[in-house]
Amino acid sequence: MNLVLTIITITALLSSVLALVSFWLPQMTPDYEKLSPYECGFDPLGSARLPFSLRFFLIAILFLLFDLEIALLLPLPWGDQLVSPLYTFIWATAVLMLLTLGLIYEWTQGGLEWAE
């Protein structure tokens, strides 16, 4: 217990010191170039606050969904060593079928078309 308390104390102290140093160390005198919206030397041509297309967010959410699917299916090879590997195969197939049906639905609805 003493070792755990020592490690927690050291990490808390180190984190506090690094947080305080990060506030004191940087220069707080920004010049004109740093305050300009672009540091490349060109004046901006238009507004930098244009809204993103809703399709961009849809594609991003689909990417996250399929990325999550990979994370869910990652332990599948270890599931073969369970008492009943058939259940693992059934659940993995159900997840893949559900995601495939969702992908087919989005594809037929035109949700994956970037430009109309």
PDB file of N, CA and C in Angstrom:
ATOM      1  N   MET A   1       0.820  -1.186   0.000  1.00  0.00           N
ATOM      2  CA  MET A   1       0.000   0.000   0.000  1.00  0.00           C
ATOM      3  C   MET A   1       0.865   1.251   0.000  1.00  0.00           C
ATOM      4  N   ASN A   2       2.006   1.154   0.640  1.00  0.00           N
ATOM      5  CA  ASN A   2       2.906   2.289   0.720  1.00  0.00           C
ATOM      6  C   ASN A   2       3.460   2.640  -0.661  1.00  0.00           C
ATOM      7  N   LEU A   3       3.744   1.642  -1.489  1.00  0.00           N
ATOM      8  CA  LEU A   3       4.264   1.871  -2.824  1.00  0.00           C
ATOM      9  C   LEU A   3       3.223   2.562  -3.703  1.00  0.00           C
ATOM     10  N   VAL A   4       1.975   2.145  -3.599  1.00  0.00           N
ATOM     11  CA  VAL A   4       0.904   2.750  -4.392  1.00  0.00           C
ATOM     12  C   VAL A   4       0.710   4.212  -3.988  1.00  0.00           C
ATOM     13  N   LEU A   5       0.722   4.490  -2.699  1.00  0.00           N
ATOM     14  CA  LEU A   5       0.580   5.863  -2.214  1.00  0.00           C
ATOM     15  C   LEU A   5       1.747   6.737  -2.676  1.00  0.00           C
ATOM     16  N   THR A   6       2.942   6.182  -2.690  1.00  0.00           N
ATOM     17  CA  THR A   6       4.114   6.917  -3.161  1.00  0.00           C
ATOM     18  C   THR A   6       3.993   7.235  -4.643  1.00  0.00           C
ATOM     19  N   ILE A   7       3.567   6.289  -5.438  1.00  0.00           N
ATOM     20  CA  ILE A   7       3.423   6.520  -6.876  1.00  0.00           C
ATOM     21  C   ILE A   7       2.340   7.557  -7.158  1.00  0.00           C
ATOM     22  N   ILE A   8       1.219   7.484  -6.453  1.00  0.00           N
ATOM     23  CA  ILE A   8       0.146   8.460  -6.637  1.00  0.00           C
ATOM     24  C   ILE A   8       0.615   9.856  -6.238  1.00  0.00           C
ATOM     25  N   THR A   9       1.362   9.954  -5.172  1.00  0.00           N
ATOM     26  CA  THR A   9       1.888  11.244  -4.723  1.00  0.00           C
ATOM     27  C   THR A   9       2.861  11.821  -5.744  1.00  0.00           C
ATOM     28  N   ILE A  10       3.751  11.002  -6.246  1.00  0.00           N
ATOM     29  CA  ILE A  10       4.738  11.474  -7.229  1.00  0.00           C
ATOM     30  C   ILE A  10       4.042  11.929  -8.507  1.00  0.00           C
ATOM     31  N   THR A  11       3.069  11.168  -8.987  1.00  0.00           N
ATOM     32  CA  THR A  11       2.384  11.557 -10.224  1.00  0.00           C
ATOM     33  C   THR A  11       1.552  12.823 -10.030  1.00  0.00           C
ATOM     34  N   ALA A  12       0.912  12.965  -8.875  1.00  0.00           N
ATOM     35  CA  ALA A  12       0.140  14.186  -8.615  1.00  0.00           C
ATOM     36  C   ALA A  12       1.070  15.388  -8.513  1.00  0.00           C
ATOM     37  N   LEU A  13       2.192  15.234  -7.839  1.00  0.00           N
ATOM     38  CA  LEU A  13       3.147  16.329  -7.708  1.00  0.00           C
ATOM     39  C   LEU A  13       3.748  16.699  -9.059  1.00  0.00           C
ATOM     40  N   LEU A  14       4.132  15.715  -9.835  1.00  0.00           N
ATOM     41  CA  LEU A  14       4.707  15.967 -11.153  1.00  0.00           C
ATOM     42  C   LEU A  14       3.691  16.634 -12.077  1.00  0.00           C
ATOM     43  N   SER A  15       2.452  16.193 -12.037  1.00  0.00           N
ATOM     44  CA  SER A  15       1.412  16.802 -12.867  1.00  0.00           C
ATOM     45  C   SER A  15       1.161  18.247 -12.467  1.00  0.00           C
ATOM     46  N   SER A  16       1.143  18.511 -11.184  1.00  0.00           N
ATOM     47  CA  SER A  16       0.931  19.885 -10.708  1.00  0.00           C
ATOM     48  C   SER A  16       2.084  20.792 -11.117  1.00  0.00           C
ATOM     49  N   VAL A  17       3.294  20.307 -10.976  1.00  0.00           N
ATOM     50  CA  VAL A  17       4.459  21.114 -11.356  1.00  0.00           C
ATOM     51  C   VAL A  17       4.443  21.398 -12.853  1.00  0.00           C
ATOM     52  N   LEU A  18       4.154  20.403 -13.671  1.00  0.00           N
ATOM     53  CA  LEU A  18       4.115  20.615 -15.122  1.00  0.00           C
ATOM     54  C   LEU A  18       2.991  21.560 -15.524  1.00  0.00           C
ATOM     55  N   ALA A  19       1.841  21.486 -14.876  1.00  0.00           N
ATOM     56  CA  ALA A  19       0.734  22.392 -15.183  1.00  0.00           C
ATOM     57  C   ALA A  19       1.087  23.824 -14.818  1.00  0.00           C
ATOM     58  N   LEU A  20       1.724  24.030 -13.668  1.00  0.00           N
ATOM     59  CA  LEU A  20       2.117  25.384 -13.263  1.00  0.00           C
ATOM     60  C   LEU A  20       3.208  25.946 -14.164  1.00  0.00           C
ATOM     61  N   VAL A  21       4.161  25.134 -14.538  1.00  0.00           N
ATOM     62  CA  VAL A  21       5.247  25.598 -15.410  1.00  0.00           C
ATOM     63  C   VAL A  21       4.702  25.964 -16.789  1.00  0.00           C
ATOM     64  N   SER A  22       3.703  25.234 -17.268  1.00  0.00           N
ATOM     65  CA  SER A  22       3.150  25.536 -18.591  1.00  0.00           C
ATOM     66  C   SER A  22       2.419  26.875 -18.604  1.00  0.00           C
ATOM     67  N   PHE A  23       1.967  27.356 -17.461  1.00  0.00           N
ATOM     68  CA  PHE A  23       1.348  28.678 -17.408  1.00  0.00           C
ATOM     69  C   PHE A  23       2.376  29.794 -17.289  1.00  0.00           C
ATOM     70  N   TRP A  24       3.497  29.540 -16.644  1.00  0.00           N
ATOM     71  CA  TRP A  24       4.493  30.569 -16.425  1.00  0.00           C
ATOM     72  C   TRP A  24       5.520  30.668 -17.537  1.00  0.00           C
ATOM     73  N   LEU A  25       5.783  29.582 -18.231  1.00  0.00           N
ATOM     74  CA  LEU A  25       6.890  29.531 -19.175  1.00  0.00           C
ATOM     75  C   LEU A  25       6.631  30.256 -20.498  1.00  0.00           C
ATOM     76  N   PRO A  26       5.472  30.180 -21.103  1.00  0.00           N
ATOM     77  CA  PRO A  26       5.341  30.778 -22.443  1.00  0.00           C
ATOM     78  C   PRO A  26       5.350  32.302 -22.399  1.00  0.00           C
ATOM     79  N   GLN A  27       5.754  32.895 -23.522  1.00  0.00           N
ATOM     80  CA  GLN A  27       5.746  34.348 -23.642  1.00  0.00           C
ATOM     81  C   GLN A  27       4.301  34.805 -23.850  1.00  0.00           C
ATOM     82  N   MET A  28       3.909  35.814 -23.132  1.00  0.00           N
ATOM     83  CA  MET A  28       2.548  36.314 -23.241  1.00  0.00           C
ATOM     84  C   MET A  28       2.505  37.648 -23.976  1.00  0.00           C
ATOM     85  N   THR A  29       3.466  37.916 -24.833  1.00  0.00           N
ATOM     86  CA  THR A  29       3.475  39.145 -25.616  1.00  0.00           C
ATOM     87  C   THR A  29       3.351  38.796 -27.092  1.00  0.00           C
ATOM     88  N   PRO A  30       2.131  38.534 -27.572  1.00  0.00           N
ATOM     89  CA  PRO A  30       1.976  38.193 -28.995  1.00  0.00           C
ATOM     90  C   PRO A  30       2.177  39.426 -29.873  1.00  0.00           C
ATOM     91  N   ASP A  31       2.797  39.236 -31.033  1.00  0.00           N
ATOM     92  CA  ASP A  31       3.000  40.338 -31.960  1.00  0.00           C
ATOM     93  C   ASP A  31       1.908  40.328 -33.032  1.00  0.00           C
ATOM     94  N   TYR A  32       2.034  41.221 -33.991  1.00  0.00           N
ATOM     95  CA  TYR A  32       0.988  41.384 -35.012  1.00  0.00           C
ATOM     96  C   TYR A  32       0.813  40.118 -35.847  1.00  0.00           C
ATOM     97  N   GLU A  33       1.917  39.470 -36.193  1.00  0.00           N
ATOM     98  CA  GLU A  33       1.824  38.280 -37.036  1.00  0.00           C
ATOM     99  C   GLU A  33       1.093  37.134 -36.326  1.00  0.00           C
ATOM    100  N   LYS A  34       1.328  37.015 -35.046  1.00  0.00           N
ATOM    101  CA  LYS A  34       0.662  35.939 -34.300  1.00  0.00           C
ATOM    102  C   LYS A  34      -0.820  36.226 -34.086  1.00  0.00           C
ATOM    103  N   LEU A  35      -1.203  37.482 -34.064  1.00  0.00           N
ATOM    104  CA  LEU A  35      -2.604  37.838 -33.869  1.00  0.00           C
ATOM    105  C   LEU A  35      -3.403  37.794 -35.168  1.00  0.00           C
ATOM    106  N   SER A  36      -2.721  37.728 -36.317  1.00  0.00           N
ATOM    107  CA  SER A  36      -3.442  37.674 -37.584  1.00  0.00           C
ATOM    108  C   SER A  36      -4.051  36.283 -37.757  1.00  0.00           C
ATOM    109  N   PRO A  37      -5.167  36.181 -38.504  1.00  0.00           N
ATOM    110  CA  PRO A  37      -5.829  34.880 -38.623  1.00  0.00           C
ATOM    111  C   PRO A  37      -5.014  33.855 -39.398  1.00  0.00           C
ATOM    112  N   TYR A  38      -4.187  34.307 -40.324  1.00  0.00           N
ATOM    113  CA  TYR A  38      -3.355  33.387 -41.096  1.00  0.00           C
ATOM    114  C   TYR A  38      -1.910  33.820 -40.969  1.00  0.00           C
ATOM    115  N   GLU A  39      -1.032  32.879 -40.756  1.00  0.00           N
ATOM    116  CA  GLU A  39       0.376  33.206 -40.577  1.00  0.00           C
ATOM    117  C   GLU A  39       1.171  33.065 -41.859  1.00  0.00           C
ATOM    118  N   CYS A  40       0.510  32.846 -42.988  1.00  0.00           N
ATOM    119  CA  CYS A  40       1.236  32.635 -44.234  1.00  0.00           C
ATOM    120  C   CYS A  40       1.580  33.943 -44.927  1.00  0.00           C
ATOM    121  N   GLY A  41       1.035  35.078 -44.469  1.00  0.00           N
ATOM    122  CA  GLY A  41       1.341  36.357 -45.075  1.00  0.00           C
ATOM    123  C   GLY A  41       0.276  36.855 -46.022  1.00  0.00           C
ATOM    124  N   PHE A  42      -0.676  36.005 -46.382  1.00  0.00           N
ATOM    125  CA  PHE A  42      -1.759  36.420 -47.276  1.00  0.00           C
ATOM    126  C   PHE A  42      -2.958  36.870 -46.455  1.00  0.00           C
ATOM    127  N   ASP A  43      -3.657  37.861 -46.969  1.00  0.00           N
ATOM    128  CA  ASP A  43      -4.903  38.269 -46.334  1.00  0.00           C
ATOM    129  C   ASP A  43      -5.991  37.250 -46.690  1.00  0.00           C
ATOM    130  N   PRO A  44      -6.895  36.966 -45.790  1.00  0.00           N
ATOM    131  CA  PRO A  44      -7.957  36.006 -46.097  1.00  0.00           C
ATOM    132  C   PRO A  44      -8.872  36.536 -47.198  1.00  0.00           C
ATOM    133  N   LEU A  45      -9.278  35.623 -48.108  1.00  0.00           N
ATOM    134  CA  LEU A  45     -10.121  36.016 -49.229  1.00  0.00           C
ATOM    135  C   LEU A  45     -11.596  36.025 -48.872  1.00  0.00           C
ATOM    136  N   GLY A  46     -12.013  35.132 -48.019  1.00  0.00           N
ATOM    137  CA  GLY A  46     -13.414  35.032 -47.640  1.00  0.00           C
ATOM    138  C   GLY A  46     -13.542  34.785 -46.153  1.00  0.00           C
ATOM    139  N   SER A  47     -14.737  34.463 -45.751  1.00  0.00           N
ATOM    140  CA  SER A  47     -14.975  34.193 -44.339  1.00  0.00           C
ATOM    141  C   SER A  47     -14.427  32.813 -43.971  1.00  0.00           C
ATOM    142  N   ALA A  48     -13.806  32.731 -42.829  1.00  0.00           N
ATOM    143  CA  ALA A  48     -13.283  31.449 -42.352  1.00  0.00           C
ATOM    144  C   ALA A  48     -14.336  30.687 -41.571  1.00  0.00           C
ATOM    145  N   ARG A  49     -15.511  31.237 -41.441  1.00  0.00           N
ATOM    146  CA  ARG A  49     -16.568  30.634 -40.632  1.00  0.00           C
ATOM    147  C   ARG A  49     -17.674  30.035 -41.491  1.00  0.00           C
ATOM    148  N   LEU A  50     -17.327  29.462 -42.630  1.00  0.00           N
ATOM    149  CA  LEU A  50     -18.331  28.817 -43.467  1.00  0.00           C
ATOM    150  C   LEU A  50     -18.773  27.513 -42.809  1.00  0.00           C
ATOM    151  N   PRO A  51     -20.050  27.205 -42.806  1.00  0.00           N
ATOM    152  CA  PRO A  51     -20.512  25.962 -42.163  1.00  0.00           C
ATOM    153  C   PRO A  51     -20.137  24.739 -42.993  1.00  0.00           C
ATOM    154  N   PHE A  52     -19.918  23.642 -42.298  1.00  0.00           N
ATOM    155  CA  PHE A  52     -19.649  22.377 -42.967  1.00  0.00           C
ATOM    156  C   PHE A  52     -20.936  21.808 -43.535  1.00  0.00           C
ATOM    157  N   SER A  53     -20.781  21.008 -44.554  1.00  0.00           N
ATOM    158  CA  SER A  53     -21.929  20.329 -45.123  1.00  0.00           C
ATOM    159  C   SER A  53     -22.393  19.234 -44.160  1.00  0.00           C
ATOM    160  N   LEU A  54     -23.672  18.988 -44.142  1.00  0.00           N
ATOM    161  CA  LEU A  54     -24.216  17.938 -43.290  1.00  0.00           C
ATOM    162  C   LEU A  54     -23.739  16.562 -43.743  1.00  0.00           C
ATOM    163  N   ARG A  55     -23.452  16.423 -45.019  1.00  0.00           N
ATOM    164  CA  ARG A  55     -22.935  15.148 -45.541  1.00  0.00           C
ATOM    165  C   ARG A  55     -21.569  14.814 -44.940  1.00  0.00           C
ATOM    166  N   PHE A  56     -20.785  15.843 -44.679  1.00  0.00           N
ATOM    167  CA  PHE A  56     -19.481  15.618 -44.055  1.00  0.00           C
ATOM    168  C   PHE A  56     -19.650  14.939 -42.705  1.00  0.00           C
ATOM    169  N   PHE A  57     -20.597  15.413 -41.916  1.00  0.00           N
ATOM    170  CA  PHE A  57     -20.824  14.819 -40.600  1.00  0.00           C
ATOM    171  C   PHE A  57     -21.394  13.405 -40.720  1.00  0.00           C
ATOM    172  N   LEU A  58     -22.223  13.155 -41.726  1.00  0.00           N
ATOM    173  CA  LEU A  58     -22.765  11.817 -41.936  1.00  0.00           C
ATOM    174  C   LEU A  58     -21.657  10.829 -42.274  1.00  0.00           C
ATOM    175  N   ILE A  59     -20.755  11.233 -43.155  1.00  0.00           N
ATOM    176  CA  ILE A  59     -19.626  10.362 -43.504  1.00  0.00           C
ATOM    177  C   ILE A  59     -18.736  10.141 -42.285  1.00  0.00           C
ATOM    178  N   ALA A  60     -18.541  11.177 -41.477  1.00  0.00           N
ATOM    179  CA  ALA A  60     -17.707  11.033 -40.269  1.00  0.00           C
ATOM    180  C   ALA A  60     -18.347  10.071 -39.279  1.00  0.00           C
ATOM    181  N   ILE A  61     -19.660  10.152 -39.114  1.00  0.00           N
ATOM    182  CA  ILE A  61     -20.346   9.250 -38.191  1.00  0.00           C
ATOM    183  C   ILE A  61     -20.294   7.816 -38.707  1.00  0.00           C
ATOM    184  N   LEU A  62     -20.446   7.633 -40.014  1.00  0.00           N
ATOM    185  CA  LEU A  62     -20.342   6.285 -40.575  1.00  0.00           C
ATOM    186  C   LEU A  62     -18.939   5.724 -40.391  1.00  0.00           C
ATOM    187  N   PHE A  63     -17.927   6.572 -40.564  1.00  0.00           N
ATOM    188  CA  PHE A  63     -16.560   6.123 -40.335  1.00  0.00           C
ATOM    189  C   PHE A  63     -16.374   5.674 -38.890  1.00  0.00           C
ATOM    190  N   LEU A  64     -16.882   6.465 -37.938  1.00  0.00           N
ATOM    191  CA  LEU A  64     -16.766   6.084 -36.527  1.00  0.00           C
ATOM    192  C   LEU A  64     -17.519   4.798 -36.233  1.00  0.00           C
ATOM    193  N   LEU A  65     -18.662   4.612 -36.883  1.00  0.00           N
ATOM    194  CA  LEU A  65     -19.447   3.403 -36.674  1.00  0.00           C
ATOM    195  C   LEU A  65     -18.683   2.167 -37.126  1.00  0.00           C
ATOM    196  N   PHE A  66     -18.086   2.244 -38.302  1.00  0.00           N
ATOM    197  CA  PHE A  66     -17.346   1.082 -38.794  1.00  0.00           C
ATOM    198  C   PHE A  66     -16.026   0.906 -38.078  1.00  0.00           C
ATOM    199  N   ASP A  67     -15.481   1.971 -37.545  1.00  0.00           N
ATOM    200  CA  ASP A  67     -14.292   1.855 -36.711  1.00  0.00           C
ATOM    201  C   ASP A  67     -14.633   1.149 -35.403  1.00  0.00           C
ATOM    202  N   LEU A  68     -15.795   1.462 -34.858  1.00  0.00           N
ATOM    203  CA  LEU A  68     -16.268   0.789 -33.651  1.00  0.00           C
ATOM    204  C   LEU A  68     -16.543  -0.685 -33.922  1.00  0.00           C
ATOM    205  N   GLU A  69     -17.003  -0.980 -35.120  1.00  0.00           N
ATOM    206  CA  GLU A  69     -17.264  -2.373 -35.484  1.00  0.00           C
ATOM    207  C   GLU A  69     -15.968  -3.189 -35.444  1.00  0.00           C
ATOM    208  N   ILE A  70     -14.885  -2.609 -35.901  1.00  0.00           N
ATOM    209  CA  ILE A  70     -13.595  -3.303 -35.846  1.00  0.00           C
ATOM    210  C   ILE A  70     -13.206  -3.554 -34.391  1.00  0.00           C
ATOM    211  N   ALA A  71     -13.453  -2.577 -33.530  1.00  0.00           N
ATOM    212  CA  ALA A  71     -13.117  -2.749 -32.115  1.00  0.00           C
ATOM    213  C   ALA A  71     -13.984  -3.826 -31.465  1.00  0.00           C
ATOM    214  N   LEU A  72     -15.234  -3.945 -31.911  1.00  0.00           N
ATOM    215  CA  LEU A  72     -16.101  -4.986 -31.344  1.00  0.00           C
ATOM    216  C   LEU A  72     -15.708  -6.382 -31.818  1.00  0.00           C
ATOM    217  N   LEU A  73     -15.219  -6.478 -33.042  1.00  0.00           N
ATOM    218  CA  LEU A  73     -14.870  -7.789 -33.583  1.00  0.00           C
ATOM    219  C   LEU A  73     -13.413  -8.179 -33.328  1.00  0.00           C
ATOM    220  N   LEU A  74     -12.646  -7.302 -32.723  1.00  0.00           N
ATOM    221  CA  LEU A  74     -11.234  -7.599 -32.472  1.00  0.00           C
ATOM    222  C   LEU A  74     -11.025  -8.821 -31.578  1.00  0.00           C
ATOM    223  N   PRO A  75     -11.793  -9.001 -30.498  1.00  0.00           N
ATOM    224  CA  PRO A  75     -11.554 -10.194 -29.665  1.00  0.00           C
ATOM    225  C   PRO A  75     -12.172 -11.468 -30.224  1.00  0.00           C
ATOM    226  N   LEU A  76     -12.645 -11.465 -31.448  1.00  0.00           N
ATOM    227  CA  LEU A  76     -13.292 -12.640 -32.026  1.00  0.00           C
ATOM    228  C   LEU A  76     -12.394 -13.883 -32.074  1.00  0.00           C
ATOM    229  N   PRO A  77     -11.111 -13.783 -32.428  1.00  0.00           N
ATOM    230  CA  PRO A  77     -10.279 -14.999 -32.432  1.00  0.00           C
ATOM    231  C   PRO A  77     -10.157 -15.655 -31.056  1.00  0.00           C
ATOM    232  N   TRP A  78     -10.187 -14.874 -29.984  1.00  0.00           N
ATOM    233  CA  TRP A  78     -10.092 -15.466 -28.653  1.00  0.00           C
ATOM    234  C   TRP A  78     -11.418 -16.101 -28.244  1.00  0.00           C
ATOM    235  N   GLY A  79     -12.506 -15.699 -28.889  1.00  0.00           N
ATOM    236  CA  GLY A  79     -13.804 -16.289 -28.593  1.00  0.00           C
ATOM    237  C   GLY A  79     -13.925 -17.726 -29.056  1.00  0.00           C
ATOM    238  N   ASP A  80     -13.042 -18.152 -29.941  1.00  0.00           N
ATOM    239  CA  ASP A  80     -13.062 -19.543 -30.395  1.00  0.00           C
ATOM    240  C   ASP A  80     -12.633 -20.510 -29.305  1.00  0.00           C
ATOM    241  N   GLN A  81     -11.984 -20.019 -28.275  1.00  0.00           N
ATOM    242  CA  GLN A  81     -11.503 -20.886 -27.211  1.00  0.00           C
ATOM    243  C   GLN A  81     -12.480 -21.002 -26.055  1.00  0.00           C
ATOM    244  N   LEU A  82     -13.668 -20.416 -26.203  1.00  0.00           N
ATOM    245  CA  LEU A  82     -14.674 -20.517 -25.155  1.00  0.00           C
ATOM    246  C   LEU A  82     -15.300 -21.908 -25.155  1.00  0.00           C
ATOM    247  N   VAL A  83     -16.150 -22.135 -24.173  1.00  0.00           N
ATOM    248  CA  VAL A  83     -16.811 -23.434 -24.057  1.00  0.00           C
ATOM    249  C   VAL A  83     -17.702 -23.679 -25.270  1.00  0.00           C
ATOM    250  N   SER A  84     -18.434 -22.650 -25.686  1.00  0.00           N
ATOM    251  CA  SER A  84     -19.306 -22.773 -26.844  1.00  0.00           C
ATOM    252  C   SER A  84     -18.958 -21.680 -27.854  1.00  0.00           C
ATOM    253  N   PRO A  85     -18.050 -21.952 -28.802  1.00  0.00           N
ATOM    254  CA  PRO A  85     -17.662 -20.921 -29.763  1.00  0.00           C
ATOM    255  C   PRO A  85     -18.774 -20.604 -30.771  1.00  0.00           C
ATOM    256  N   LEU A  86     -19.813 -21.409 -30.806  1.00  0.00           N
ATOM    257  CA  LEU A  86     -20.919 -21.147 -31.730  1.00  0.00           C
ATOM    258  C   LEU A  86     -21.629 -19.843 -31.366  1.00  0.00           C
ATOM    259  N   TYR A  87     -21.780 -19.558 -30.069  1.00  0.00           N
ATOM    260  CA  TYR A  87     -22.415 -18.315 -29.653  1.00  0.00           C
ATOM    261  C   TYR A  87     -21.599 -17.100 -30.104  1.00  0.00           C
ATOM    262  N   THR A  88     -20.286 -17.201 -30.019  1.00  0.00           N
ATOM    263  CA  THR A  88     -19.426 -16.117 -30.474  1.00  0.00           C
ATOM    264  C   THR A  88     -19.608 -15.878 -31.960  1.00  0.00           C
ATOM    265  N   PHE A  89     -19.667 -16.946 -32.724  1.00  0.00           N
ATOM    266  CA  PHE A  89     -19.860 -16.829 -34.162  1.00  0.00           C
ATOM    267  C   PHE A  89     -21.230 -16.239 -34.489  1.00  0.00           C
ATOM    268  N   ILE A  90     -22.254 -16.634 -33.751  1.00  0.00           N
ATOM    269  CA  ILE A  90     -23.608 -16.121 -34.001  1.00  0.00           C
ATOM    270  C   ILE A  90     -23.679 -14.626 -33.701  1.00  0.00           C
ATOM    271  N   TRP A  91     -23.114 -14.194 -32.571  1.00  0.00           N
ATOM    272  CA  TRP A  91     -23.155 -12.777 -32.229  1.00  0.00           C
ATOM    273  C   TRP A  91     -22.330 -11.944 -33.206  1.00  0.00           C
ATOM    274  N   ALA A  92     -21.167 -12.442 -33.615  1.00  0.00           N
ATOM    275  CA  ALA A  92     -20.349 -11.705 -34.577  1.00  0.00           C
ATOM    276  C   ALA A  92     -21.057 -11.602 -35.927  1.00  0.00           C
ATOM    277  N   THR A  93     -21.720 -12.679 -36.339  1.00  0.00           N
ATOM    278  CA  THR A  93     -22.477 -12.654 -37.587  1.00  0.00           C
ATOM    279  C   THR A  93     -23.646 -11.680 -37.486  1.00  0.00           C
ATOM    280  N   ALA A  94     -24.306 -11.639 -36.340  1.00  0.00           N
ATOM    281  CA  ALA A  94     -25.423 -10.711 -36.160  1.00  0.00           C
ATOM    282  C   ALA A  94     -24.946  -9.261 -36.235  1.00  0.00           C
ATOM    283  N   VAL A  95     -23.816  -8.947 -35.624  1.00  0.00           N
ATOM    284  CA  VAL A  95     -23.280  -7.595 -35.684  1.00  0.00           C
ATOM    285  C   VAL A  95     -22.922  -7.221 -37.117  1.00  0.00           C
ATOM    286  N   LEU A  96     -22.248  -8.139 -37.809  1.00  0.00           N
ATOM    287  CA  LEU A  96     -21.863  -7.862 -39.190  1.00  0.00           C
ATOM    288  C   LEU A  96     -23.074  -7.722 -40.105  1.00  0.00           C
ATOM    289  N   MET A  97     -24.098  -8.545 -39.915  1.00  0.00           N
ATOM    290  CA  MET A  97     -25.300  -8.444 -40.743  1.00  0.00           C
ATOM    291  C   MET A  97     -26.035  -7.130 -40.482  1.00  0.00           C
ATOM    292  N   LEU A  98     -26.134  -6.723 -39.221  1.00  0.00           N
ATOM    293  CA  LEU A  98     -26.793  -5.469 -38.895  1.00  0.00           C
ATOM    294  C   LEU A  98     -26.070  -4.281 -39.530  1.00  0.00           C
ATOM    295  N   LEU A  99     -24.751  -4.275 -39.446  1.00  0.00           N
ATOM    296  CA  LEU A  99     -23.991  -3.189 -40.048  1.00  0.00           C
ATOM    297  C   LEU A  99     -24.050  -3.233 -41.572  1.00  0.00           C
ATOM    298  N   THR A 100     -24.071  -4.421 -42.144  1.00  0.00           N
ATOM    299  CA  THR A 100     -24.180  -4.540 -43.597  1.00  0.00           C
ATOM    300  C   THR A 100     -25.531  -4.056 -44.081  1.00  0.00           C
ATOM    301  N   LEU A 101     -26.590  -4.395 -43.364  1.00  0.00           N
ATOM    302  CA  LEU A 101     -27.917  -3.911 -43.736  1.00  0.00           C
ATOM    303  C   LEU A 101     -28.005  -2.393 -43.606  1.00  0.00           C
ATOM    304  N   GLY A 102     -27.399  -1.830 -42.576  1.00  0.00           N
ATOM    305  CA  GLY A 102     -27.368  -0.378 -42.426  1.00  0.00           C
ATOM    306  C   GLY A 102     -26.590   0.295 -43.541  1.00  0.00           C
ATOM    307  N   LEU A 103     -25.476  -0.312 -43.949  1.00  0.00           N
ATOM    308  CA  LEU A 103     -24.691   0.231 -45.053  1.00  0.00           C
ATOM    309  C   LEU A 103     -25.467   0.170 -46.360  1.00  0.00           C
ATOM    310  N   ILE A 104     -26.153  -0.935 -46.610  1.00  0.00           N
ATOM    311  CA  ILE A 104     -26.961  -1.065 -47.823  1.00  0.00           C
ATOM    312  C   ILE A 104     -28.084  -0.028 -47.828  1.00  0.00           C
ATOM    313  N   TYR A 105     -28.701   0.180 -46.676  1.00  0.00           N
ATOM    314  CA  TYR A 105     -29.773   1.174 -46.577  1.00  0.00           C
ATOM    315  C   TYR A 105     -29.246   2.580 -46.875  1.00  0.00           C
ATOM    316  N   GLU A 106     -28.104   2.941 -46.290  1.00  0.00           N
ATOM    317  CA  GLU A 106     -27.533   4.261 -46.552  1.00  0.00           C
ATOM    318  C   GLU A 106     -27.146   4.410 -48.014  1.00  0.00           C
ATOM    319  N   TRP A 107     -26.631   3.353 -48.596  1.00  0.00           N
ATOM    320  CA  TRP A 107     -26.216   3.384 -49.996  1.00  0.00           C
ATOM    321  C   TRP A 107     -27.420   3.594 -50.911  1.00  0.00           C
ATOM    322  N   THR A 108     -28.513   2.862 -50.654  1.00  0.00           N
ATOM    323  CA  THR A 108     -29.702   3.005 -51.509  1.00  0.00           C
ATOM    324  C   THR A 108     -30.395   4.348 -51.298  1.00  0.00           C
ATOM    325  N   GLN A 109     -30.304   4.931 -50.120  1.00  0.00           N
ATOM    326  CA  GLN A 109     -30.905   6.236 -49.870  1.00  0.00           C
ATOM    327  C   GLN A 109     -30.058   7.390 -50.409  1.00  0.00           C
ATOM    328  N   GLY A 110     -28.848   7.094 -50.837  1.00  0.00           N
ATOM    329  CA  GLY A 110     -27.960   8.132 -51.377  1.00  0.00           C
ATOM    330  C   GLY A 110     -27.212   8.890 -50.306  1.00  0.00           C
ATOM    331  N   GLY A 111     -27.132   8.340 -49.134  1.00  0.00           N
ATOM    332  CA  GLY A 111     -26.445   9.017 -48.041  1.00  0.00           C
ATOM    333  C   GLY A 111     -24.933   9.026 -48.169  1.00  0.00           C
ATOM    334  N   LEU A 112     -24.388   8.179 -49.021  1.00  0.00           N
ATOM    335  CA  LEU A 112     -22.939   8.109 -49.176  1.00  0.00           C
ATOM    336  C   LEU A 112     -22.435   8.923 -50.367  1.00  0.00           C
ATOM    337  N   GLU A 113     -23.336   9.557 -51.096  1.00  0.00           N
ATOM    338  CA  GLU A 113     -22.937  10.388 -52.227  1.00  0.00           C
ATOM    339  C   GLU A 113     -22.380  11.704 -51.687  1.00  0.00           C
ATOM    340  N   TRP A 114     -21.143  12.004 -52.044  1.00  0.00           N
ATOM    341  CA  TRP A 114     -20.529  13.203 -51.525  1.00  0.00           C
ATOM    342  C   TRP A 114     -21.067  14.449 -52.218  1.00  0.00           C
ATOM    343  N   ALA A 115     -21.206  14.384 -53.531  1.00  0.00           N
ATOM    344  CA  ALA A 115     -21.728  15.520 -54.295  1.00  0.00           C
ATOM    345  C   ALA A 115     -22.977  15.094 -55.024  1.00  0.00           C
ATOM    346  N   GLU A 116     -23.967  15.973 -55.002  1.00  0.00           N
ATOM    347  CA  GLU A 116     -25.224  15.642 -55.664  1.00  0.00           C
ATOM    348  C   GLU A 116     -25.268  16.211 -57.060  1.00  0.00           C
TER     349      GLU A 116
END
